[in-house]
N, C-alpha and C. Protein backbone atom coordinates (compact mmCIF):
# COMPACT_ATOMS: atom_id res chain seq x y z
N MET A 1 129.82 207.41 82.28
CA MET A 1 128.81 207.21 81.25
C MET A 1 127.72 206.28 81.78
N GLU A 2 126.50 206.81 82.00
CA GLU A 2 125.43 206.01 82.57
C GLU A 2 124.56 205.46 81.46
N ILE A 3 124.07 204.24 81.67
CA ILE A 3 123.17 203.63 80.71
C ILE A 3 121.99 203.05 81.45
N ASN A 4 120.80 203.02 80.82
CA ASN A 4 119.61 202.53 81.49
C ASN A 4 119.59 201.01 81.52
N VAL A 5 118.53 200.43 82.13
CA VAL A 5 118.45 198.98 82.31
C VAL A 5 118.44 198.26 80.98
N THR A 6 117.66 198.79 80.03
CA THR A 6 117.58 198.15 78.71
C THR A 6 118.95 198.12 78.05
N GLN A 7 119.67 199.23 78.14
CA GLN A 7 121.01 199.29 77.56
C GLN A 7 121.94 198.30 78.26
N LYS A 8 121.76 198.17 79.59
CA LYS A 8 122.61 197.23 80.33
C LYS A 8 122.38 195.81 79.85
N LYS A 9 121.12 195.47 79.58
CA LYS A 9 120.81 194.14 79.07
C LYS A 9 121.49 193.91 77.74
N ARG A 10 121.44 194.93 76.88
CA ARG A 10 122.08 194.81 75.57
C ARG A 10 123.59 194.65 75.72
N VAL A 11 124.15 195.41 76.65
CA VAL A 11 125.59 195.32 76.90
C VAL A 11 125.97 193.93 77.36
N ASN A 12 125.15 193.37 78.29
CA ASN A 12 125.44 192.02 78.79
C ASN A 12 125.36 190.97 77.70
N ILE A 13 124.38 191.10 76.80
CA ILE A 13 124.24 190.16 75.69
C ILE A 13 125.44 190.27 74.76
N CYS A 14 125.79 191.51 74.42
CA CYS A 14 126.93 191.72 73.52
C CYS A 14 128.22 191.24 74.16
N ARG A 15 128.36 191.47 75.48
CA ARG A 15 129.57 191.04 76.18
C ARG A 15 129.69 189.52 76.16
N TRP A 16 128.54 188.85 76.38
CA TRP A 16 128.54 187.37 76.32
C TRP A 16 128.99 186.91 74.94
N PHE A 17 128.49 187.58 73.90
CA PHE A 17 128.84 187.18 72.53
C PHE A 17 130.34 187.37 72.28
N VAL A 18 130.86 188.52 72.72
CA VAL A 18 132.29 188.79 72.52
C VAL A 18 133.14 187.78 73.27
N ASP A 19 132.79 187.50 74.54
CA ASP A 19 133.57 186.57 75.36
C ASP A 19 133.59 185.17 74.79
N ASN A 20 132.47 184.74 74.20
CA ASN A 20 132.36 183.36 73.73
C ASN A 20 132.69 183.18 72.26
N ASN A 21 132.99 184.27 71.56
CA ASN A 21 133.25 184.16 70.13
C ASN A 21 134.47 184.97 69.72
N ILE A 22 135.43 185.15 70.63
CA ILE A 22 136.56 186.01 70.34
C ILE A 22 137.38 185.53 69.14
N THR A 23 137.58 184.19 69.04
CA THR A 23 138.35 183.68 67.90
C THR A 23 137.62 183.95 66.60
N LEU A 24 136.29 183.74 66.60
CA LEU A 24 135.51 183.98 65.40
C LEU A 24 135.53 185.46 65.02
N ILE A 25 135.55 186.33 66.03
CA ILE A 25 135.61 187.76 65.77
C ILE A 25 136.93 188.12 65.10
N VAL A 26 138.03 187.56 65.63
CA VAL A 26 139.34 187.81 65.04
C VAL A 26 139.36 187.35 63.59
N ILE A 27 138.81 186.14 63.35
CA ILE A 27 138.76 185.61 62.00
C ILE A 27 137.89 186.49 61.11
N GLY A 28 136.77 186.94 61.67
CA GLY A 28 135.87 187.78 60.90
C GLY A 28 136.51 189.10 60.50
N VAL A 29 137.27 189.69 61.42
CA VAL A 29 137.97 190.93 61.11
C VAL A 29 138.97 190.71 59.98
N ALA A 30 139.73 189.62 60.10
CA ALA A 30 140.71 189.31 59.06
C ALA A 30 140.04 189.08 57.73
N LEU A 31 138.94 188.30 57.74
CA LEU A 31 138.24 188.00 56.50
C LEU A 31 137.66 189.25 55.88
N GLY A 32 137.09 190.12 56.72
CA GLY A 32 136.52 191.36 56.22
C GLY A 32 137.57 192.23 55.56
N ILE A 33 138.73 192.33 56.18
CA ILE A 33 139.82 193.12 55.62
C ILE A 33 140.25 192.56 54.28
N VAL A 34 140.42 191.24 54.23
CA VAL A 34 140.85 190.61 52.98
C VAL A 34 139.85 190.84 51.87
N CYS A 35 138.56 190.69 52.16
CA CYS A 35 137.53 190.86 51.13
C CYS A 35 137.50 192.28 50.59
N VAL A 36 137.56 193.25 51.52
CA VAL A 36 137.49 194.66 51.11
C VAL A 36 138.68 195.05 50.26
N ILE A 37 139.87 194.74 50.74
CA ILE A 37 141.05 195.17 49.99
C ILE A 37 141.21 194.38 48.71
N SER A 38 140.78 193.13 48.70
CA SER A 38 140.87 192.34 47.48
C SER A 38 140.00 192.95 46.38
N LEU A 39 138.77 193.34 46.75
CA LEU A 39 137.86 193.95 45.79
C LEU A 39 138.42 195.28 45.29
N TYR A 40 138.93 196.09 46.21
CA TYR A 40 139.45 197.40 45.84
C TYR A 40 140.63 197.30 44.89
N TYR A 41 141.61 196.48 45.28
CA TYR A 41 142.81 196.40 44.47
C TYR A 41 142.59 195.62 43.18
N TRP A 42 141.71 194.63 43.19
CA TRP A 42 141.42 193.91 41.96
C TRP A 42 140.79 194.86 40.95
N THR A 43 139.87 195.72 41.42
CA THR A 43 139.22 196.70 40.55
C THR A 43 140.23 197.72 40.03
N SER A 44 141.15 198.16 40.89
CA SER A 44 142.11 199.19 40.53
C SER A 44 143.12 198.70 39.50
N TYR A 45 143.57 197.48 39.64
CA TYR A 45 144.65 196.97 38.82
C TYR A 45 144.17 196.13 37.63
N HIS A 46 142.90 195.77 37.62
CA HIS A 46 142.41 194.86 36.59
C HIS A 46 142.58 195.43 35.19
N SER A 47 142.43 196.74 35.03
CA SER A 47 142.45 197.35 33.71
C SER A 47 143.83 197.81 33.28
N VAL A 48 144.84 197.56 34.10
CA VAL A 48 146.18 198.02 33.75
C VAL A 48 146.87 196.96 32.90
N ASN A 49 148.08 196.57 33.24
CA ASN A 49 148.82 195.64 32.40
C ASN A 49 149.05 194.31 33.08
N LEU A 50 148.20 194.00 34.06
CA LEU A 50 148.36 192.74 34.78
C LEU A 50 147.15 191.84 34.58
N LEU A 51 146.48 192.00 33.43
CA LEU A 51 145.28 191.22 33.19
C LEU A 51 145.50 189.71 33.26
N PRO A 52 146.56 189.18 32.63
CA PRO A 52 146.77 187.72 32.73
C PRO A 52 146.99 187.26 34.17
N VAL A 53 147.72 188.06 34.94
CA VAL A 53 147.99 187.72 36.34
C VAL A 53 146.70 187.81 37.15
N SER A 54 145.87 188.81 36.85
CA SER A 54 144.62 188.97 37.59
C SER A 54 143.70 187.77 37.35
N GLN A 55 143.72 187.24 36.14
CA GLN A 55 142.91 186.05 35.85
C GLN A 55 143.44 184.85 36.62
N SER A 56 144.75 184.73 36.71
CA SER A 56 145.35 183.64 37.48
C SER A 56 145.02 183.80 38.96
N TYR A 57 144.99 185.04 39.41
CA TYR A 57 144.68 185.32 40.81
C TYR A 57 143.27 184.85 41.16
N GLN A 58 142.33 185.04 40.24
CA GLN A 58 140.96 184.57 40.48
C GLN A 58 140.92 183.06 40.65
N GLU A 59 141.70 182.36 39.85
CA GLU A 59 141.77 180.90 39.97
C GLU A 59 142.38 180.50 41.31
N VAL A 60 143.44 181.19 41.68
CA VAL A 60 144.12 180.91 42.95
C VAL A 60 143.18 181.15 44.13
N SER A 61 142.35 182.20 44.05
CA SER A 61 141.39 182.48 45.11
C SER A 61 140.45 181.30 45.32
N ASN A 62 140.05 180.67 44.21
CA ASN A 62 139.18 179.50 44.30
C ASN A 62 139.90 178.32 44.95
N TYR A 63 141.20 178.20 44.68
CA TYR A 63 141.98 177.12 45.28
C TYR A 63 142.03 177.27 46.80
N ILE A 64 142.14 178.52 47.26
CA ILE A 64 142.20 178.77 48.70
C ILE A 64 140.91 178.36 49.38
N VAL A 65 139.80 178.59 48.69
CA VAL A 65 138.48 178.25 49.24
C VAL A 65 138.36 176.75 49.47
N THR A 66 138.91 175.94 48.56
CA THR A 66 138.81 174.48 48.71
C THR A 66 139.57 174.00 49.93
N GLY A 67 140.73 174.62 50.21
CA GLY A 67 141.52 174.23 51.38
C GLY A 67 142.30 172.95 51.20
N LYS A 68 142.25 172.36 49.99
CA LYS A 68 142.99 171.12 49.75
C LYS A 68 144.49 171.39 49.74
N GLN A 69 145.26 170.48 50.30
CA GLN A 69 146.70 170.68 50.39
C GLN A 69 147.34 170.85 49.02
N SER A 70 146.89 170.05 48.04
CA SER A 70 147.44 170.14 46.69
C SER A 70 147.14 171.51 46.07
N ASP A 71 145.96 172.05 46.36
CA ASP A 71 145.59 173.37 45.85
C ASP A 71 146.40 174.47 46.53
N LEU A 72 146.64 174.29 47.83
CA LEU A 72 147.41 175.29 48.58
C LEU A 72 148.86 175.36 48.11
N VAL A 73 149.37 174.25 47.61
CA VAL A 73 150.73 174.24 47.04
C VAL A 73 150.77 175.15 45.82
N ILE A 74 149.72 175.10 45.00
CA ILE A 74 149.63 175.96 43.82
C ILE A 74 149.57 177.42 44.24
N VAL A 75 148.84 177.68 45.32
CA VAL A 75 148.73 179.05 45.85
C VAL A 75 150.09 179.56 46.29
N GLU A 76 150.83 178.72 46.99
CA GLU A 76 152.18 179.09 47.45
C GLU A 76 153.07 179.42 46.26
N GLN A 77 152.98 178.64 45.20
CA GLN A 77 153.79 178.87 44.00
C GLN A 77 153.41 180.20 43.35
N PHE A 78 152.11 180.48 43.32
CA PHE A 78 151.65 181.74 42.74
C PHE A 78 152.21 182.93 43.52
N ILE A 79 152.18 182.82 44.83
CA ILE A 79 152.69 183.90 45.69
C ILE A 79 154.18 184.12 45.46
N ASP A 80 154.94 183.02 45.40
CA ASP A 80 156.38 183.10 45.21
C ASP A 80 156.75 183.67 43.84
N ASN A 81 155.91 183.41 42.84
CA ASN A 81 156.22 183.82 41.47
C ASN A 81 155.67 185.19 41.11
N ASN A 82 154.92 185.81 42.02
CA ASN A 82 154.31 187.10 41.71
C ASN A 82 154.64 188.13 42.78
N ASN A 83 155.67 188.88 42.50
CA ASN A 83 156.10 189.92 43.43
C ASN A 83 155.35 191.22 43.09
N ASN A 84 154.02 191.14 43.14
CA ASN A 84 153.16 192.26 42.79
C ASN A 84 151.93 192.25 43.68
N ILE A 85 150.97 193.12 43.36
CA ILE A 85 149.80 193.26 44.20
C ILE A 85 149.01 191.97 44.33
N TYR A 86 148.98 191.17 43.26
CA TYR A 86 148.21 189.93 43.30
C TYR A 86 148.87 188.88 44.19
N GLY A 87 150.19 188.90 44.22
CA GLY A 87 150.88 188.02 45.14
C GLY A 87 150.57 188.37 46.59
N VAL A 88 150.47 189.68 46.86
CA VAL A 88 150.14 190.15 48.21
C VAL A 88 148.71 189.75 48.59
N LEU A 89 147.77 189.95 47.68
CA LEU A 89 146.38 189.63 47.96
C LEU A 89 146.19 188.13 48.17
N ALA A 90 146.88 187.33 47.36
CA ALA A 90 146.80 185.88 47.52
C ALA A 90 147.36 185.45 48.87
N ALA A 91 148.47 186.09 49.28
CA ALA A 91 149.08 185.77 50.57
C ALA A 91 148.16 186.16 51.72
N LEU A 92 147.45 187.27 51.58
CA LEU A 92 146.50 187.69 52.61
C LEU A 92 145.36 186.68 52.74
N GLN A 93 144.86 186.23 51.61
CA GLN A 93 143.78 185.24 51.65
C GLN A 93 144.27 183.92 52.24
N LEU A 94 145.51 183.55 51.91
CA LEU A 94 146.08 182.33 52.47
C LEU A 94 146.24 182.48 53.98
N ALA A 95 146.69 183.66 54.43
CA ALA A 95 146.84 183.92 55.86
C ALA A 95 145.49 183.80 56.56
N ASN A 96 144.44 184.31 55.93
CA ASN A 96 143.11 184.19 56.51
C ASN A 96 142.68 182.73 56.63
N HIS A 97 142.99 181.93 55.62
CA HIS A 97 142.70 180.50 55.67
C HIS A 97 143.42 179.84 56.85
N LEU A 98 144.68 180.22 57.05
CA LEU A 98 145.47 179.66 58.14
C LEU A 98 144.92 180.07 59.50
N ILE A 99 144.41 181.29 59.58
CA ILE A 99 143.80 181.76 60.83
C ILE A 99 142.58 180.92 61.16
N LYS A 100 141.78 180.61 60.14
CA LYS A 100 140.61 179.76 60.36
C LYS A 100 141.00 178.38 60.87
N GLN A 101 142.19 177.94 60.46
CA GLN A 101 142.68 176.63 60.89
C GLN A 101 143.43 176.72 62.23
N ASN A 102 143.42 177.91 62.82
CA ASN A 102 144.15 178.16 64.08
C ASN A 102 145.65 177.97 63.94
N ASP A 103 146.14 178.06 62.72
CA ASP A 103 147.59 177.96 62.48
C ASP A 103 148.16 179.38 62.47
N PHE A 104 148.21 179.98 63.65
CA PHE A 104 148.61 181.38 63.76
C PHE A 104 150.09 181.59 63.44
N ALA A 105 150.92 180.60 63.76
CA ALA A 105 152.36 180.75 63.50
C ALA A 105 152.63 180.90 62.00
N LYS A 106 151.99 180.06 61.20
CA LYS A 106 152.21 180.13 59.76
C LYS A 106 151.57 181.38 59.17
N ALA A 107 150.42 181.78 59.72
CA ALA A 107 149.76 183.01 59.27
C ALA A 107 150.67 184.21 59.53
N GLU A 108 151.31 184.21 60.69
CA GLU A 108 152.25 185.29 61.02
C GLU A 108 153.39 185.35 60.01
N GLN A 109 153.92 184.21 59.64
CA GLN A 109 155.01 184.15 58.66
C GLN A 109 154.58 184.76 57.33
N LYS A 110 153.38 184.42 56.88
CA LYS A 110 152.88 184.92 55.60
C LYS A 110 152.72 186.43 55.64
N LEU A 111 152.15 186.93 56.72
CA LEU A 111 151.90 188.37 56.84
C LEU A 111 153.19 189.16 56.93
N GLU A 112 154.17 188.63 57.65
CA GLU A 112 155.46 189.32 57.75
C GLU A 112 156.18 189.34 56.41
N LYS A 113 156.06 188.26 55.67
CA LYS A 113 156.75 188.13 54.39
C LYS A 113 156.24 189.13 53.35
N ILE A 114 154.93 189.37 53.34
CA ILE A 114 154.37 190.22 52.28
C ILE A 114 154.51 191.72 52.58
N GLN A 115 154.97 192.07 53.77
CA GLN A 115 155.16 193.48 54.09
C GLN A 115 156.15 194.13 53.13
N SER A 116 157.12 193.37 52.68
CA SER A 116 158.14 193.93 51.79
C SER A 116 157.71 193.92 50.32
N LYS A 117 156.51 193.37 50.05
CA LYS A 117 156.06 193.26 48.67
C LYS A 117 155.17 194.42 48.22
N THR A 118 154.85 195.32 49.13
CA THR A 118 154.01 196.46 48.77
C THR A 118 154.45 197.71 49.51
N LYS A 119 154.24 198.86 48.86
CA LYS A 119 154.53 200.14 49.48
C LYS A 119 153.25 200.95 49.68
N ASP A 120 152.13 200.34 49.35
CA ASP A 120 150.85 201.01 49.51
C ASP A 120 150.56 201.19 51.01
N LYS A 121 150.36 202.42 51.44
CA LYS A 121 150.23 202.73 52.87
C LYS A 121 149.00 202.08 53.49
N ASN A 122 147.86 202.16 52.81
CA ASN A 122 146.63 201.58 53.37
C ASN A 122 146.71 200.07 53.44
N LEU A 123 147.31 199.49 52.44
CA LEU A 123 147.45 198.03 52.43
C LEU A 123 148.38 197.58 53.55
N LEU A 124 149.46 198.33 53.76
CA LEU A 124 150.38 197.99 54.85
C LEU A 124 149.71 198.12 56.21
N VAL A 125 148.85 199.12 56.36
CA VAL A 125 148.11 199.28 57.62
C VAL A 125 147.28 198.05 57.90
N GLN A 126 146.57 197.58 56.89
CA GLN A 126 145.68 196.45 57.07
C GLN A 126 146.45 195.15 57.30
N ILE A 127 147.60 195.03 56.65
CA ILE A 127 148.46 193.87 56.89
C ILE A 127 148.93 193.87 58.34
N ASN A 128 149.34 195.04 58.83
CA ASN A 128 149.84 195.14 60.20
C ASN A 128 148.73 194.93 61.23
N LEU A 129 147.53 195.37 60.93
CA LEU A 129 146.41 195.12 61.84
C LEU A 129 146.14 193.62 61.97
N CYS A 130 146.14 192.94 60.83
CA CYS A 130 145.95 191.48 60.85
C CYS A 130 147.08 190.80 61.61
N LEU A 131 148.29 191.25 61.34
CA LEU A 131 149.47 190.66 61.97
C LEU A 131 149.42 190.84 63.49
N ALA A 132 149.04 192.02 63.94
CA ALA A 132 148.97 192.28 65.38
C ALA A 132 147.93 191.39 66.05
N ARG A 133 146.77 191.18 65.39
CA ARG A 133 145.75 190.30 65.95
C ARG A 133 146.26 188.87 66.06
N VAL A 134 147.01 188.44 65.05
CA VAL A 134 147.58 187.09 65.07
C VAL A 134 148.60 186.96 66.20
N GLN A 135 149.46 187.96 66.35
CA GLN A 135 150.47 187.94 67.40
C GLN A 135 149.82 187.96 68.78
N LEU A 136 148.69 188.64 68.89
CA LEU A 136 147.94 188.63 70.15
C LEU A 136 147.46 187.22 70.46
N GLN A 137 146.96 186.51 69.47
CA GLN A 137 146.51 185.14 69.66
C GLN A 137 147.66 184.23 70.08
N GLU A 138 148.86 184.54 69.61
CA GLU A 138 150.05 183.75 69.95
C GLU A 138 150.66 184.18 71.28
N LYS A 139 150.08 185.21 71.90
CA LYS A 139 150.57 185.77 73.16
C LYS A 139 151.96 186.40 73.01
N LYS A 140 152.24 186.88 71.80
CA LYS A 140 153.47 187.62 71.54
C LYS A 140 153.15 189.11 71.70
N TYR A 141 152.93 189.50 72.93
CA TYR A 141 152.40 190.82 73.21
C TYR A 141 153.35 191.95 72.79
N ASN A 142 154.63 191.81 73.08
CA ASN A 142 155.58 192.86 72.69
C ASN A 142 155.65 193.01 71.19
N ASN A 143 155.63 191.88 70.48
CA ASN A 143 155.66 191.93 69.02
C ASN A 143 154.41 192.61 68.48
N ALA A 144 153.26 192.31 69.09
CA ALA A 144 152.01 192.92 68.65
C ALA A 144 152.04 194.43 68.84
N LEU A 145 152.57 194.89 69.97
CA LEU A 145 152.66 196.33 70.23
C LEU A 145 153.61 197.00 69.23
N LYS A 146 154.72 196.35 68.91
CA LYS A 146 155.66 196.90 67.93
C LYS A 146 155.01 196.99 66.55
N THR A 147 154.22 195.98 66.22
CA THR A 147 153.53 195.98 64.93
C THR A 147 152.54 197.13 64.86
N LEU A 148 151.78 197.34 65.92
CA LEU A 148 150.80 198.43 65.95
C LEU A 148 151.47 199.80 65.90
N ASN A 149 152.65 199.90 66.50
CA ASN A 149 153.37 201.18 66.51
C ASN A 149 153.85 201.60 65.12
N LYS A 150 153.83 200.67 64.18
CA LYS A 150 154.22 200.99 62.80
C LYS A 150 153.12 201.77 62.08
N ILE A 151 151.90 201.70 62.62
CA ILE A 151 150.76 202.35 61.96
C ILE A 151 150.65 203.80 62.44
N LYS A 152 150.92 204.73 61.55
CA LYS A 152 150.94 206.15 61.91
C LYS A 152 149.71 206.91 61.40
N ASP A 153 148.96 206.32 60.50
CA ASP A 153 147.82 207.01 59.90
C ASP A 153 146.69 207.17 60.92
N ALA A 154 146.36 208.42 61.23
CA ALA A 154 145.34 208.70 62.25
C ALA A 154 143.95 208.22 61.85
N SER A 155 143.70 208.06 60.55
CA SER A 155 142.38 207.63 60.11
C SER A 155 142.07 206.20 60.53
N TRP A 156 143.10 205.45 60.93
CA TRP A 156 142.92 204.08 61.38
C TRP A 156 142.95 203.98 62.91
N SER A 157 142.88 205.11 63.58
CA SER A 157 143.06 205.16 65.02
C SER A 157 142.10 204.25 65.79
N GLY A 158 140.84 204.21 65.38
CA GLY A 158 139.86 203.41 66.11
C GLY A 158 140.22 201.94 66.16
N LEU A 159 140.53 201.35 65.01
CA LEU A 159 140.90 199.94 64.94
C LEU A 159 142.23 199.68 65.64
N VAL A 160 143.17 200.61 65.49
CA VAL A 160 144.48 200.45 66.11
C VAL A 160 144.35 200.46 67.63
N GLN A 161 143.62 201.44 68.17
CA GLN A 161 143.47 201.55 69.62
C GLN A 161 142.67 200.39 70.20
N ASN A 162 141.72 199.88 69.43
CA ASN A 162 140.96 198.71 69.88
C ASN A 162 141.89 197.52 70.07
N THR A 163 142.75 197.28 69.10
CA THR A 163 143.69 196.16 69.20
C THR A 163 144.75 196.45 70.26
N TYR A 164 145.19 197.69 70.31
CA TYR A 164 146.18 198.09 71.32
C TYR A 164 145.65 197.79 72.72
N GLY A 165 144.38 198.16 72.95
CA GLY A 165 143.77 197.91 74.25
C GLY A 165 143.68 196.43 74.57
N ASP A 166 143.35 195.61 73.56
CA ASP A 166 143.26 194.17 73.78
C ASP A 166 144.60 193.57 74.19
N VAL A 167 145.66 194.07 73.55
CA VAL A 167 147.01 193.57 73.87
C VAL A 167 147.39 193.97 75.29
N LEU A 168 147.16 195.23 75.63
CA LEU A 168 147.51 195.71 76.97
C LEU A 168 146.70 194.99 78.04
N LEU A 169 145.43 194.75 77.76
CA LEU A 169 144.58 194.04 78.71
C LEU A 169 145.10 192.62 78.93
N ALA A 170 145.58 191.98 77.86
CA ALA A 170 146.12 190.62 77.96
C ALA A 170 147.39 190.59 78.81
N THR A 171 148.11 191.70 78.86
CA THR A 171 149.33 191.76 79.67
C THR A 171 149.02 192.13 81.12
N GLY A 172 147.78 192.50 81.40
CA GLY A 172 147.41 192.88 82.75
C GLY A 172 147.41 194.38 82.99
N ASP A 173 147.68 195.17 81.94
CA ASP A 173 147.70 196.62 82.07
C ASP A 173 146.28 197.16 81.85
N ILE A 174 145.49 197.14 82.91
CA ILE A 174 144.09 197.52 82.79
C ILE A 174 143.94 199.01 82.48
N GLN A 175 144.71 199.85 83.15
CA GLN A 175 144.59 201.29 82.91
C GLN A 175 145.02 201.63 81.49
N GLY A 176 146.09 200.98 81.02
CA GLY A 176 146.54 201.22 79.64
C GLY A 176 145.48 200.80 78.65
N ALA A 177 144.82 199.68 78.92
CA ALA A 177 143.74 199.19 78.04
C ALA A 177 142.58 200.17 78.03
N ARG A 178 142.23 200.67 79.22
CA ARG A 178 141.12 201.63 79.33
C ARG A 178 141.43 202.90 78.53
N ASN A 179 142.65 203.38 78.63
CA ASN A 179 143.05 204.58 77.88
C ASN A 179 142.97 204.34 76.38
N ALA A 180 143.42 203.17 75.95
CA ALA A 180 143.41 202.85 74.52
C ALA A 180 141.97 202.75 74.00
N TYR A 181 141.12 202.05 74.75
CA TYR A 181 139.71 201.93 74.33
C TYR A 181 139.04 203.30 74.27
N SER A 182 139.36 204.15 75.24
CA SER A 182 138.77 205.50 75.28
C SER A 182 139.20 206.30 74.06
N GLN A 183 140.48 206.23 73.71
CA GLN A 183 140.97 206.94 72.53
C GLN A 183 140.29 206.42 71.27
N GLY A 184 140.13 205.11 71.21
CA GLY A 184 139.47 204.53 70.05
C GLY A 184 138.02 204.96 69.96
N PHE A 185 137.34 205.01 71.11
CA PHE A 185 135.93 205.40 71.14
C PHE A 185 135.76 206.86 70.73
N GLU A 186 136.69 207.70 71.14
CA GLU A 186 136.59 209.13 70.85
C GLU A 186 137.03 209.48 69.43
N SER A 187 137.69 208.55 68.76
CA SER A 187 138.09 208.81 67.37
C SER A 187 136.87 208.66 66.47
N HIS A 188 137.04 209.01 65.22
CA HIS A 188 135.91 208.93 64.28
C HIS A 188 135.79 207.50 63.76
N SER A 189 135.42 206.58 64.64
CA SER A 189 135.28 205.18 64.28
C SER A 189 133.86 204.91 63.78
N TYR A 190 133.71 203.87 63.01
CA TYR A 190 132.37 203.51 62.55
C TYR A 190 131.59 202.90 63.71
N ARG A 191 130.26 202.95 63.63
CA ARG A 191 129.38 202.64 64.76
C ARG A 191 129.59 201.25 65.36
N PRO A 192 129.70 200.17 64.56
CA PRO A 192 129.89 198.84 65.17
C PRO A 192 131.11 198.78 66.07
N LEU A 193 132.20 199.44 65.66
CA LEU A 193 133.40 199.44 66.49
C LEU A 193 133.17 200.24 67.76
N LYS A 194 132.45 201.35 67.67
CA LYS A 194 132.15 202.14 68.86
C LYS A 194 131.35 201.31 69.88
N ILE A 195 130.43 200.49 69.39
CA ILE A 195 129.63 199.65 70.28
C ILE A 195 130.53 198.66 71.02
N VAL A 196 131.46 198.04 70.28
CA VAL A 196 132.40 197.08 70.88
C VAL A 196 133.26 197.77 71.93
N LEU A 197 133.77 198.95 71.59
CA LEU A 197 134.62 199.70 72.53
C LEU A 197 133.82 200.14 73.76
N HIS A 198 132.55 200.50 73.55
CA HIS A 198 131.69 200.87 74.67
C HIS A 198 131.53 199.70 75.63
N ILE A 199 131.33 198.51 75.09
CA ILE A 199 131.18 197.30 75.91
C ILE A 199 132.45 197.06 76.71
N LYS A 200 133.60 197.18 76.03
CA LYS A 200 134.88 196.91 76.70
C LYS A 200 135.14 197.91 77.83
N LEU A 201 134.79 199.18 77.59
CA LEU A 201 134.98 200.19 78.63
C LEU A 201 134.06 199.93 79.81
N ASN A 202 132.83 199.54 79.54
CA ASN A 202 131.91 199.21 80.63
C ASN A 202 132.39 198.00 81.40
N ASP A 203 132.96 197.03 80.70
CA ASP A 203 133.51 195.84 81.35
C ASP A 203 134.61 196.23 82.34
N LEU A 204 135.46 197.14 81.94
CA LEU A 204 136.59 197.54 82.79
C LEU A 204 136.16 198.40 83.97
N SER A 205 134.98 198.99 83.86
CA SER A 205 134.51 199.86 84.96
C SER A 205 133.78 199.07 86.02
N ASN A 206 133.48 197.78 85.75
CA ASN A 206 132.77 196.94 86.73
C ASN A 206 133.73 196.32 87.75
C-alpha cells in the first residue's frame, strides 16, 4: 500500500500522537464505551419497572464523577445491592474511573465480576473489550487473548482484531500482530479505527 508524501506526514503525526498518548487512548476507548452503552441501556430500561433504581443510578453516576472515597463507597454499595442492568452500568463507570487512576488491577476485578450479571451479548462484548485492554496494560497477555477469544460476534471484528494485534505485538509476535491489524482493516470498521489500523500496519512495514 503506497502513500504520497503528504499522507506520510499525516501518518507520522498520527503515529507520534498514538505513541505518546497510548494510556489516554485506552482510557478514551473505555470512556466512550461506557457513555454509549449507558445511554442506550438507560433509555431502554427507563420506561420499564426499574424507574426507582434508574433514578438512584443517576445519583450514583454523579458520585463517580466526584471521585471522593466516601462517594465511591456508596457506589460500591449500589453495585452490590443491584444485580441488574444498572448495577452493571455503575460497575462499568467505576471501572473507567479506576482506569483513569491507573488502578488497572481493581478495574480488572470490577469488569470480571460484572460478567456474570448480564446475558446481553453486546454488553458482554464491550465488557470483554474493556477487560482485554486493561489486561494488556497489566501485561497479562495470555489472559487478554483468552478474553478476546470469548467474543464471537463478527460485527465487532475491527475492534477485536485491533486489540488482538496490540497484545500480540506486546509479546513480540510481529507477524501475528500484522495479520490481526490486516483483518481488522479489511473488516467493516468505522473510519477512525481504519486510520489507526493503517498507521499500525505502516509502522510494522518500516
